[in-house]
Amino acid sequence: MVGHRVYPTLASKAGLYMYNIIANHVFSDGNKRTGLEAAIAFVRINNYNITTSLSNDDIFNFTMKVASGNGSLEETQKWFDDNIQFLEIVDV
């Protein structure tokens, strides 16, 4: 549809990257690492980052949930919506 963005938010786009790379097995190996890192890189390029309140175990467990087929695209997008924060740009 013209003028309508299918994935209008940063979180929806980051979730799409992570979910599609992991769930669709884009590569023969390394899909979980690549899916997570692609989404994080996209978030950082846009001056956001994963919240510091998440532990590495939290991130790992969610990534494994997506990889096992127990996490949906919508859930992955919501996870990013709940877990990214804007990086304040400090002028030095």
C-alpha atoms as a PDB file:
ATOM      1  CA  MET A   1       0.000   0.000   0.000  1.00  0.00           C
ATOM      2  CA  VAL A   2       1.411   3.365  -0.984  1.00  0.00           C
ATOM      3  CA  GLY A   3       2.359   5.574   1.950  1.00  0.00           C
ATOM      4  CA  HIS A   4       1.930   2.797   4.506  1.00  0.00           C
ATOM      5  CA  ARG A   5       5.055   1.421   6.155  1.00  0.00           C
ATOM      6  CA  VAL A   6       4.796  -2.277   6.927  1.00  0.00           C
ATOM      7  CA  TYR A   7       7.447  -2.003   9.667  1.00  0.00           C
ATOM      8  CA  PRO A   8       7.135   1.590  10.874  1.00  0.00           C
ATOM      9  CA  THR A   9       9.288   1.523  14.014  1.00  0.00           C
ATOM     10  CA  LEU A  10      12.938   0.894  14.721  1.00  0.00           C
ATOM     11  CA  ALA A  11      11.960  -1.992  17.014  1.00  0.00           C
ATOM     12  CA  SER A  12       9.784  -3.613  14.355  1.00  0.00           C
ATOM     13  CA  LYS A  13      12.629  -3.451  11.837  1.00  0.00           C
ATOM     14  CA  ALA A  14      15.237  -4.756  14.314  1.00  0.00           C
ATOM     15  CA  GLY A  15      12.909  -7.603  15.272  1.00  0.00           C
ATOM     16  CA  LEU A  16      12.408  -8.417  11.610  1.00  0.00           C
ATOM     17  CA  TYR A  17      16.166  -8.654  11.039  1.00  0.00           C
ATOM     18  CA  MET A  18      16.710 -10.908  14.038  1.00  0.00           C
ATOM     19  CA  TYR A  19      13.701 -13.130  13.478  1.00  0.00           C
ATOM     20  CA  ASN A  20      14.122 -13.638   9.740  1.00  0.00           C
ATOM     21  CA  ILE A  21      17.825 -14.419   9.886  1.00  0.00           C
ATOM     22  CA  ILE A  22      17.403 -16.862  12.769  1.00  0.00           C
ATOM     23  CA  ALA A  23      14.091 -18.501  11.842  1.00  0.00           C
ATOM     24  CA  ASN A  24      14.738 -18.789   8.103  1.00  0.00           C
ATOM     25  CA  HIS A  25      18.248 -20.243   8.508  1.00  0.00           C
ATOM     26  CA  VAL A  26      19.809 -17.829   6.036  1.00  0.00           C
ATOM     27  CA  PHE A  27      23.263 -19.365   6.563  1.00  0.00           C
ATOM     28  CA  SER A  28      24.416 -22.940   7.056  1.00  0.00           C
ATOM     29  CA  ASP A  29      25.898 -21.947  10.429  1.00  0.00           C
ATOM     30  CA  GLY A  30      25.871 -18.911  12.720  1.00  0.00           C
ATOM     31  CA  ASN A  31      22.261 -17.793  12.236  1.00  0.00           C
ATOM     32  CA  LYS A  32      21.666 -16.988  15.911  1.00  0.00           C
ATOM     33  CA  ARG A  33      24.839 -14.913  16.211  1.00  0.00           C
ATOM     34  CA  THR A  34      24.264 -13.183  12.891  1.00  0.00           C
ATOM     35  CA  GLY A  35      20.573 -12.481  13.524  1.00  0.00           C
ATOM     36  CA  LEU A  36      21.218 -10.990  16.937  1.00  0.00           C
ATOM     37  CA  GLU A  37      24.252  -8.973  15.826  1.00  0.00           C
ATOM     38  CA  ALA A  38      22.518  -7.679  12.670  1.00  0.00           C
ATOM     39  CA  ALA A  39      19.621  -6.407  14.771  1.00  0.00           C
ATOM     40  CA  ILE A  40      21.932  -4.848  17.361  1.00  0.00           C
ATOM     41  CA  ALA A  41      24.054  -3.207  14.641  1.00  0.00           C
ATOM     42  CA  PHE A  42      20.905  -1.765  13.053  1.00  0.00           C
ATOM     43  CA  VAL A  43      19.739  -0.427  16.414  1.00  0.00           C
ATOM     44  CA  ARG A  44      23.153   1.145  17.131  1.00  0.00           C
ATOM     45  CA  ILE A  45      23.417   2.739  13.682  1.00  0.00           C
ATOM     46  CA  ASN A  46      20.189   4.520  14.585  1.00  0.00           C
ATOM     47  CA  ASN A  47      21.548   5.825  17.939  1.00  0.00           C
ATOM     48  CA  TYR A  48      19.845   3.229  20.115  1.00  0.00           C
ATOM     49  CA  ASN A  49      21.214   0.329  22.110  1.00  0.00           C
ATOM     50  CA  ILE A  50      20.010  -2.668  24.097  1.00  0.00           C
ATOM     51  CA  THR A  51      19.124  -1.564  27.624  1.00  0.00           C
ATOM     52  CA  THR A  52      21.784  -2.117  30.240  1.00  0.00           C
ATOM     53  CA  SER A  53      19.228  -3.789  32.523  1.00  0.00           C
ATOM     54  CA  LEU A  54      19.371  -6.933  30.363  1.00  0.00           C
ATOM     55  CA  SER A  55      21.995  -9.502  31.235  1.00  0.00           C
ATOM     56  CA  ASN A  56      23.865 -11.551  28.653  1.00  0.00           C
ATOM     57  CA  ASP A  57      21.806 -14.511  29.879  1.00  0.00           C
ATOM     58  CA  ASP A  58      18.553 -12.624  29.150  1.00  0.00           C
ATOM     59  CA  ILE A  59      19.706 -11.892  25.608  1.00  0.00           C
ATOM     60  CA  PHE A  60      20.963 -15.461  25.117  1.00  0.00           C
ATOM     61  CA  ASN A  61      17.737 -16.994  26.404  1.00  0.00           C
ATOM     62  CA  PHE A  62      15.572 -14.856  24.159  1.00  0.00           C
ATOM     63  CA  THR A  63      17.754 -15.633  21.135  1.00  0.00           C
ATOM     64  CA  MET A  64      17.439 -19.349  21.884  1.00  0.00           C
ATOM     65  CA  LYS A  65      13.666 -18.972  22.215  1.00  0.00           C
ATOM     66  CA  VAL A  66      13.493 -17.485  18.727  1.00  0.00           C
ATOM     67  CA  ALA A  67      15.816 -20.178  17.348  1.00  0.00           C
ATOM     68  CA  SER A  68      13.755 -23.000  18.864  1.00  0.00           C
ATOM     69  CA  GLY A  69      10.605 -21.762  17.117  1.00  0.00           C
ATOM     70  CA  ASN A  70       8.955 -20.682  20.362  1.00  0.00           C
ATOM     71  CA  GLY A  71       9.167 -16.957  19.599  1.00  0.00           C
ATOM     72  CA  SER A  72       7.127 -15.241  16.894  1.00  0.00           C
ATOM     73  CA  LEU A  73       8.044 -12.249  14.738  1.00  0.00           C
ATOM     74  CA  GLU A  74       5.618 -10.112  16.731  1.00  0.00           C
ATOM     75  CA  GLU A  75       7.148 -11.238  20.018  1.00  0.00           C
ATOM     76  CA  THR A  76      10.646 -10.470  18.712  1.00  0.00           C
ATOM     77  CA  GLN A  77       9.554  -7.000  17.645  1.00  0.00           C
ATOM     78  CA  LYS A  78       7.950  -6.380  21.043  1.00  0.00           C
ATOM     79  CA  TRP A  79      11.144  -7.604  22.763  1.00  0.00           C
ATOM     80  CA  PHE A  80      13.113  -4.910  20.927  1.00  0.00           C
ATOM     81  CA  ASP A  81      10.438  -2.317  21.652  1.00  0.00           C
ATOM     82  CA  ASP A  82      10.725  -3.133  25.357  1.00  0.00           C
ATOM     83  CA  ASN A  83      14.512  -3.434  25.432  1.00  0.00           C
ATOM     84  CA  ILE A  84      16.101  -0.649  23.414  1.00  0.00           C
ATOM     85  CA  GLN A  85      16.899   2.863  24.559  1.00  0.00           C
ATOM     86  CA  PHE A  86      18.033   6.015  22.839  1.00  0.00           C
ATOM     87  CA  LEU A  87      21.722   6.843  23.163  1.00  0.00           C
ATOM     88  CA  GLU A  88      22.219  10.399  24.306  1.00  0.00           C
ATOM     89  CA  ILE A  89      24.695  12.134  22.054  1.00  0.00           C
ATOM     90  CA  VAL A  90      27.114  14.140  24.147  1.00  0.00           C
ATOM     91  CA  ASP A  91      28.737  17.108  22.462  1.00  0.00           C
ATOM     92  CA  VAL A  92      32.356  17.363  23.605  1.00  0.00           C
END
